[in-house]
Amino acid sequence: MSETHRITVDPSQCGGRPCLRGLRIRVRDVLDLLAAGADRAEILADYPLLEEGDITAALEYAARQSDHPVLRVA
């Protein structure tokens, strides 16, 4: 089951950037931590308001943003 329902966008919070569950923790923050080599346990320890599903939601959100149709020229 998708966890993207955890992603919220509020123009009055974090400049309208995607956040997790209305918290002031941006999807980008979680993705940056993962890219830097942090594992889920480290992120959850550093951000006690986050839940395991929030990390999954951030990854799903990023995957969907990078998806695009491939057009083939005949």
PDB file of N, CA and C in Angstrom:
ATOM      1  N   MET A   1       0.837  -1.187   0.000  1.00  0.00           N
ATOM      2  CA  MET A   1       0.000   0.000   0.000  1.00  0.00           C
ATOM      3  C   MET A   1       0.882   1.250   0.000  1.00  0.00           C
ATOM      4  N   SER A   2       0.471   2.218  -0.731  1.00  0.00           N
ATOM      5  CA  SER A   2       1.227   3.461  -0.838  1.00  0.00           C
ATOM      6  C   SER A   2       1.166   4.261   0.463  1.00  0.00           C
ATOM      7  N   GLU A   3       2.238   4.936   0.746  1.00  0.00           N
ATOM      8  CA  GLU A   3       2.321   5.793   1.929  1.00  0.00           C
ATOM      9  C   GLU A   3       2.287   7.278   1.563  1.00  0.00           C
ATOM     10  N   THR A   4       2.043   7.590   0.290  1.00  0.00           N
ATOM     11  CA  THR A   4       2.115   8.984  -0.137  1.00  0.00           C
ATOM     12  C   THR A   4       1.037   9.865   0.483  1.00  0.00           C
ATOM     13  N   HIS A   5       0.035   9.265   1.127  1.00  0.00           N
ATOM     14  CA  HIS A   5      -0.964  10.085   1.827  1.00  0.00           C
ATOM     15  C   HIS A   5      -0.330  10.869   2.977  1.00  0.00           C
ATOM     16  N   ARG A   6       0.877  10.520   3.357  1.00  0.00           N
ATOM     17  CA  ARG A   6       1.598  11.210   4.424  1.00  0.00           C
ATOM     18  C   ARG A   6       2.225  12.520   3.947  1.00  0.00           C
ATOM     19  N   ILE A   7       2.282  12.731   2.646  1.00  0.00           N
ATOM     20  CA  ILE A   7       2.885  13.933   2.083  1.00  0.00           C
ATOM     21  C   ILE A   7       1.852  15.048   2.098  1.00  0.00           C
ATOM     22  N   THR A   8       2.240  16.188   2.656  1.00  0.00           N
ATOM     23  CA  THR A   8       1.359  17.347   2.700  1.00  0.00           C
ATOM     24  C   THR A   8       2.050  18.547   2.062  1.00  0.00           C
ATOM     25  N   VAL A   9       1.244  19.383   1.455  1.00  0.00           N
ATOM     26  CA  VAL A   9       1.752  20.622   0.853  1.00  0.00           C
ATOM     27  C   VAL A   9       0.853  21.744   1.346  1.00  0.00           C
ATOM     28  N   ASP A  10       1.464  22.680   2.039  1.00  0.00           N
ATOM     29  CA  ASP A  10       0.728  23.816   2.594  1.00  0.00           C
ATOM     30  C   ASP A  10       1.490  25.082   2.207  1.00  0.00           C
ATOM     31  N   PRO A  11       0.885  25.959   1.423  1.00  0.00           N
ATOM     32  CA  PRO A  11       1.588  27.167   0.979  1.00  0.00           C
ATOM     33  C   PRO A  11       2.136  28.019   2.123  1.00  0.00           C
ATOM     34  N   SER A  12       1.563  27.903   3.300  1.00  0.00           N
ATOM     35  CA  SER A  12       2.023  28.713   4.433  1.00  0.00           C
ATOM     36  C   SER A  12       3.099  28.011   5.269  1.00  0.00           C
ATOM     37  N   GLN A  13       3.503  26.837   4.840  1.00  0.00           N
ATOM     38  CA  GLN A  13       4.497  26.079   5.607  1.00  0.00           C
ATOM     39  C   GLN A  13       5.655  25.665   4.701  1.00  0.00           C
ATOM     40  N   CYS A  14       6.855  25.959   5.113  1.00  0.00           N
ATOM     41  CA  CYS A  14       8.076  25.587   4.374  1.00  0.00           C
ATOM     42  C   CYS A  14       8.025  26.033   2.914  1.00  0.00           C
ATOM     43  N   GLY A  15       7.447  27.192   2.683  1.00  0.00           N
ATOM     44  CA  GLY A  15       7.397  27.734   1.326  1.00  0.00           C
ATOM     45  C   GLY A  15       6.582  26.895   0.362  1.00  0.00           C
ATOM     46  N   GLY A  16       5.657  26.105   0.876  1.00  0.00           N
ATOM     47  CA  GLY A  16       4.834  25.268   0.012  1.00  0.00           C
ATOM     48  C   GLY A  16       5.514  24.003  -0.459  1.00  0.00           C
ATOM     49  N   ARG A  17       6.683  23.701   0.090  1.00  0.00           N
ATOM     50  CA  ARG A  17       7.390  22.491  -0.301  1.00  0.00           C
ATOM     51  C   ARG A  17       6.746  21.275   0.366  1.00  0.00           C
ATOM     52  N   PRO A  18       6.844  20.109  -0.266  1.00  0.00           N
ATOM     53  CA  PRO A  18       6.240  18.902   0.300  1.00  0.00           C
ATOM     54  C   PRO A  18       6.868  18.560   1.655  1.00  0.00           C
ATOM     55  N   CYS A  19       6.007  18.308   2.627  1.00  0.00           N
ATOM     56  CA  CYS A  19       6.429  17.949   3.983  1.00  0.00           C
ATOM     57  C   CYS A  19       5.783  16.623   4.365  1.00  0.00           C
ATOM     58  N   LEU A  20       6.155  16.136   5.516  1.00  0.00           N
ATOM     59  CA  LEU A  20       5.618  14.883   6.012  1.00  0.00           C
ATOM     60  C   LEU A  20       4.607  15.131   7.121  1.00  0.00           C
ATOM     61  N   ARG A  21       3.385  14.691   6.897  1.00  0.00           N
ATOM     62  CA  ARG A  21       2.286  14.746   7.867  1.00  0.00           C
ATOM     63  C   ARG A  21       2.081  16.110   8.501  1.00  0.00           C
ATOM     64  N   GLY A  22       2.287  17.170   7.760  1.00  0.00           N
ATOM     65  CA  GLY A  22       2.061  18.510   8.283  1.00  0.00           C
ATOM     66  C   GLY A  22       3.156  18.991   9.207  1.00  0.00           C
ATOM     67  N   LEU A  23       4.180  18.177   9.397  1.00  0.00           N
ATOM     68  CA  LEU A  23       5.324  18.590  10.213  1.00  0.00           C
ATOM     69  C   LEU A  23       6.202  19.508   9.384  1.00  0.00           C
ATOM     70  N   ARG A  24       7.070  20.205  10.022  1.00  0.00           N
ATOM     71  CA  ARG A  24       8.009  21.062   9.294  1.00  0.00           C
ATOM     72  C   ARG A  24       9.273  20.288   8.940  1.00  0.00           C
ATOM     73  N   ILE A  25       9.069  19.061   8.525  1.00  0.00           N
ATOM     74  CA  ILE A  25      10.152  18.205   8.035  1.00  0.00           C
ATOM     75  C   ILE A  25       9.845  17.942   6.566  1.00  0.00           C
ATOM     76  N   ARG A  26      10.704  18.510   5.720  1.00  0.00           N
ATOM     77  CA  ARG A  26      10.463  18.417   4.282  1.00  0.00           C
ATOM     78  C   ARG A  26      10.857  17.039   3.742  1.00  0.00           C
ATOM     79  N   VAL A  27      10.185  16.625   2.693  1.00  0.00           N
ATOM     80  CA  VAL A  27      10.545  15.393   1.991  1.00  0.00           C
ATOM     81  C   VAL A  27      12.007  15.474   1.580  1.00  0.00           C
ATOM     82  N   ARG A  28      12.409  16.621   1.108  1.00  0.00           N
ATOM     83  CA  ARG A  28      13.785  16.822   0.659  1.00  0.00           C
ATOM     84  C   ARG A  28      14.792  16.565   1.783  1.00  0.00           C
ATOM     85  N   ASP A  29      14.452  16.953   3.003  1.00  0.00           N
ATOM     86  CA  ASP A  29      15.354  16.732   4.140  1.00  0.00           C
ATOM     87  C   ASP A  29      15.610  15.245   4.340  1.00  0.00           C
ATOM     88  N   VAL A  30      14.559  14.462   4.282  1.00  0.00           N
ATOM     89  CA  VAL A  30      14.695  13.014   4.465  1.00  0.00           C
ATOM     90  C   VAL A  30      15.488  12.406   3.309  1.00  0.00           C
ATOM     91  N   LEU A  31      15.204  12.841   2.096  1.00  0.00           N
ATOM     92  CA  LEU A  31      15.930  12.326   0.936  1.00  0.00           C
ATOM     93  C   LEU A  31      17.416  12.682   1.001  1.00  0.00           C
ATOM     94  N   ASP A  32      17.715  13.894   1.441  1.00  0.00           N
ATOM     95  CA  ASP A  32      19.123  14.302   1.579  1.00  0.00           C
ATOM     96  C   ASP A  32      19.850  13.433   2.605  1.00  0.00           C
ATOM     97  N   LEU A  33      19.178  13.135   3.704  1.00  0.00           N
ATOM     98  CA  LEU A  33      19.789  12.280   4.723  1.00  0.00           C
ATOM     99  C   LEU A  33      20.056  10.880   4.173  1.00  0.00           C
ATOM    100  N   LEU A  34      19.097  10.327   3.457  1.00  0.00           N
ATOM    101  CA  LEU A  34      19.293   9.003   2.861  1.00  0.00           C
ATOM    102  C   LEU A  34      20.426   9.024   1.843  1.00  0.00           C
ATOM    103  N   ALA A  35      20.477  10.060   1.029  1.00  0.00           N
ATOM    104  CA  ALA A  35      21.531  10.176   0.019  1.00  0.00           C
ATOM    105  C   ALA A  35      22.912  10.308   0.657  1.00  0.00           C
ATOM    106  N   ALA A  36      22.955  10.886   1.847  1.00  0.00           N
ATOM    107  CA  ALA A  36      24.235  11.055   2.554  1.00  0.00           C
ATOM    108  C   ALA A  36      24.657   9.787   3.287  1.00  0.00           C
ATOM    109  N   GLY A  37      23.804   8.758   3.243  1.00  0.00           N
ATOM    110  CA  GLY A  37      24.189   7.486   3.843  1.00  0.00           C
ATOM    111  C   GLY A  37      23.525   7.160   5.166  1.00  0.00           C
ATOM    112  N   ALA A  38      22.660   8.037   5.645  1.00  0.00           N
ATOM    113  CA  ALA A  38      21.959   7.745   6.900  1.00  0.00           C
ATOM    114  C   ALA A  38      20.970   6.609   6.661  1.00  0.00           C
ATOM    115  N   ASP A  39      20.845   5.727   7.640  1.00  0.00           N
ATOM    116  CA  ASP A  39      19.852   4.672   7.497  1.00  0.00           C
ATOM    117  C   ASP A  39      18.572   5.085   8.225  1.00  0.00           C
ATOM    118  N   ARG A  40      17.545   4.288   8.038  1.00  0.00           N
ATOM    119  CA  ARG A  40      16.238   4.629   8.607  1.00  0.00           C
ATOM    120  C   ARG A  40      16.302   4.807  10.123  1.00  0.00           C
ATOM    121  N   ALA A  41      17.021   3.930  10.786  1.00  0.00           N
ATOM    122  CA  ALA A  41      17.099   4.000  12.251  1.00  0.00           C
ATOM    123  C   ALA A  41      17.731   5.313  12.707  1.00  0.00           C
ATOM    124  N   GLU A  42      18.767   5.764  12.007  1.00  0.00           N
ATOM    125  CA  GLU A  42      19.415   7.035  12.356  1.00  0.00           C
ATOM    126  C   GLU A  42      18.461   8.209  12.172  1.00  0.00           C
ATOM    127  N   ILE A  43      17.736   8.198  11.070  1.00  0.00           N
ATOM    128  CA  ILE A  43      16.803   9.288  10.789  1.00  0.00           C
ATOM    129  C   ILE A  43      15.705   9.327  11.845  1.00  0.00           C
ATOM    130  N   LEU A  44      15.165   8.173  12.173  1.00  0.00           N
ATOM    131  CA  LEU A  44      14.103   8.114  13.177  1.00  0.00           C
ATOM    132  C   LEU A  44      14.609   8.532  14.551  1.00  0.00           C
ATOM    133  N   ALA A  45      15.872   8.241  14.848  1.00  0.00           N
ATOM    134  CA  ALA A  45      16.450   8.654  16.132  1.00  0.00           C
ATOM    135  C   ALA A  45      16.651  10.170  16.172  1.00  0.00           C
ATOM    136  N   ASP A  46      17.069  10.748  15.048  1.00  0.00           N
ATOM    137  CA  ASP A  46      17.320  12.190  14.984  1.00  0.00           C
ATOM    138  C   ASP A  46      16.028  13.010  14.898  1.00  0.00           C
ATOM    139  N   TYR A  47      14.990  12.415  14.357  1.00  0.00           N
ATOM    140  CA  TYR A  47      13.696  13.088  14.186  1.00  0.00           C
ATOM    141  C   TYR A  47      12.606  12.234  14.838  1.00  0.00           C
ATOM    142  N   PRO A  48      12.457  12.314  16.138  1.00  0.00           N
ATOM    143  CA  PRO A  48      11.520  11.428  16.847  1.00  0.00           C
ATOM    144  C   PRO A  48      10.050  11.583  16.431  1.00  0.00           C
ATOM    145  N   LEU A  49       9.685  12.676  15.783  1.00  0.00           N
ATOM    146  CA  LEU A  49       8.305  12.831  15.321  1.00  0.00           C
ATOM    147  C   LEU A  49       8.021  12.024  14.052  1.00  0.00           C
ATOM    148  N   LEU A  50       9.086  11.617  13.367  1.00  0.00           N
ATOM    149  CA  LEU A  50       8.903  10.830  12.148  1.00  0.00           C
ATOM    150  C   LEU A  50       8.573   9.385  12.480  1.00  0.00           C
ATOM    151  N   GLU A  51       7.897   8.753  11.538  1.00  0.00           N
ATOM    152  CA  GLU A  51       7.571   7.337  11.631  1.00  0.00           C
ATOM    153  C   GLU A  51       8.178   6.626  10.427  1.00  0.00           C
ATOM    154  N   GLU A  52       8.320   5.328  10.535  1.00  0.00           N
ATOM    155  CA  GLU A  52       8.891   4.523   9.452  1.00  0.00           C
ATOM    156  C   GLU A  52       8.187   4.796   8.119  1.00  0.00           C
ATOM    157  N   GLY A  53       6.872   4.883   8.151  1.00  0.00           N
ATOM    158  CA  GLY A  53       6.103   5.128   6.933  1.00  0.00           C
ATOM    159  C   GLY A  53       6.405   6.469   6.288  1.00  0.00           C
ATOM    160  N   ASP A  54       6.863   7.432   7.080  1.00  0.00           N
ATOM    161  CA  ASP A  54       7.214   8.745   6.527  1.00  0.00           C
ATOM    162  C   ASP A  54       8.421   8.632   5.598  1.00  0.00           C
ATOM    163  N   ILE A  55       9.371   7.807   5.971  1.00  0.00           N
ATOM    164  CA  ILE A  55      10.559   7.625   5.130  1.00  0.00           C
ATOM    165  C   ILE A  55      10.166   6.928   3.827  1.00  0.00           C
ATOM    166  N   THR A  56       9.323   5.930   3.946  1.00  0.00           N
ATOM    167  CA  THR A  56       8.831   5.249   2.751  1.00  0.00           C
ATOM    168  C   THR A  56       8.064   6.225   1.867  1.00  0.00           C
ATOM    169  N   ALA A  57       7.264   7.079   2.468  1.00  0.00           N
ATOM    170  CA  ALA A  57       6.502   8.069   1.699  1.00  0.00           C
ATOM    171  C   ALA A  57       7.427   9.008   0.937  1.00  0.00           C
ATOM    172  N   ALA A  58       8.496   9.445   1.574  1.00  0.00           N
ATOM    173  CA  ALA A  58       9.450  10.340   0.917  1.00  0.00           C
ATOM    174  C   ALA A  58      10.073   9.659  -0.305  1.00  0.00           C
ATOM    175  N   LEU A  59      10.433   8.393  -0.154  1.00  0.00           N
ATOM    176  CA  LEU A  59      11.021   7.656  -1.273  1.00  0.00           C
ATOM    177  C   LEU A  59       9.998   7.446  -2.395  1.00  0.00           C
ATOM    178  N   GLU A  60       8.778   7.109  -2.043  1.00  0.00           N
ATOM    179  CA  GLU A  60       7.731   6.940  -3.057  1.00  0.00           C
ATOM    180  C   GLU A  60       7.475   8.248  -3.794  1.00  0.00           C
ATOM    181  N   TYR A  61       7.417   9.340  -3.048  1.00  0.00           N
ATOM    182  CA  TYR A  61       7.178  10.646  -3.648  1.00  0.00           C
ATOM    183  C   TYR A  61       8.283  10.975  -4.653  1.00  0.00           C
ATOM    184  N   ALA A  62       9.518  10.754  -4.255  1.00  0.00           N
ATOM    185  CA  ALA A  62      10.647  11.039  -5.152  1.00  0.00           C
ATOM    186  C   ALA A  62      10.592  10.164  -6.396  1.00  0.00           C
ATOM    187  N   ALA A  63      10.248   8.902  -6.217  1.00  0.00           N
ATOM    188  CA  ALA A  63      10.173   7.996  -7.364  1.00  0.00           C
ATOM    189  C   ALA A  63       9.096   8.446  -8.340  1.00  0.00           C
ATOM    190  N   ARG A  64       7.977   8.883  -7.822  1.00  0.00           N
ATOM    191  CA  ARG A  64       6.894   9.333  -8.701  1.00  0.00           C
ATOM    192  C   ARG A  64       7.236  10.638  -9.407  1.00  0.00           C
ATOM    193  N   GLN A  65       8.012  11.490  -8.760  1.00  0.00           N
ATOM    194  CA  GLN A  65       8.388  12.763  -9.376  1.00  0.00           C
ATOM    195  C   GLN A  65       9.364  12.550 -10.527  1.00  0.00           C
ATOM    196  N   SER A  66      10.160  11.491 -10.433  1.00  0.00           N
ATOM    197  CA  SER A  66      11.159  11.263 -11.475  1.00  0.00           C
ATOM    198  C   SER A  66      10.624  10.417 -12.626  1.00  0.00           C
ATOM    199  N   ASP A  67       9.414   9.893 -12.483  1.00  0.00           N
ATOM    200  CA  ASP A  67       8.822   9.081 -13.540  1.00  0.00           C
ATOM    201  C   ASP A  67       8.328   9.982 -14.668  1.00  0.00           C
ATOM    202  N   HIS A  68       8.599   9.565 -15.874  1.00  0.00           N
ATOM    203  CA  HIS A  68       8.135  10.327 -17.035  1.00  0.00           C
ATOM    204  C   HIS A  68       7.928   9.361 -18.186  1.00  0.00           C
ATOM    205  N   PRO A  69       7.037   9.687 -19.085  1.00  0.00           N
ATOM    206  CA  PRO A  69       6.815   8.803 -20.222  1.00  0.00           C
ATOM    207  C   PRO A  69       8.001   8.846 -21.182  1.00  0.00           C
ATOM    208  N   VAL A  70       8.264   7.729 -21.781  1.00  0.00           N
ATOM    209  CA  VAL A  70       9.320   7.636 -22.791  1.00  0.00           C
ATOM    210  C   VAL A  70       8.634   7.602 -24.145  1.00  0.00           C
ATOM    211  N   LEU A  71       8.943   8.584 -24.957  1.00  0.00           N
ATOM    212  CA  LEU A  71       8.356   8.683 -26.289  1.00  0.00           C
ATOM    213  C   LEU A  71       9.342   8.112 -27.298  1.00  0.00           C
ATOM    214  N   ARG A  72       8.843   7.291 -28.157  1.00  0.00           N
ATOM    215  CA  ARG A  72       9.704   6.700 -29.180  1.00  0.00           C
ATOM    216  C   ARG A  72       9.370   7.316 -30.530  1.00  0.00           C
ATOM    217  N   VAL A  73      10.395   7.612 -31.247  1.00  0.00           N
ATOM    218  CA  VAL A  73      10.208   8.183 -32.582  1.00  0.00           C
ATOM    219  C   VAL A  73      10.188   7.027 -33.576  1.00  0.00           C
ATOM    220  N   ALA A  74       9.148   7.008 -34.404  1.00  0.00           N
ATOM    221  CA  ALA A  74       9.015   5.898 -35.366  1.00  0.00           C
ATOM    222  C   ALA A  74       9.893   6.092 -36.573  1.00  0.00           C
TER     223      ALA A  74
END
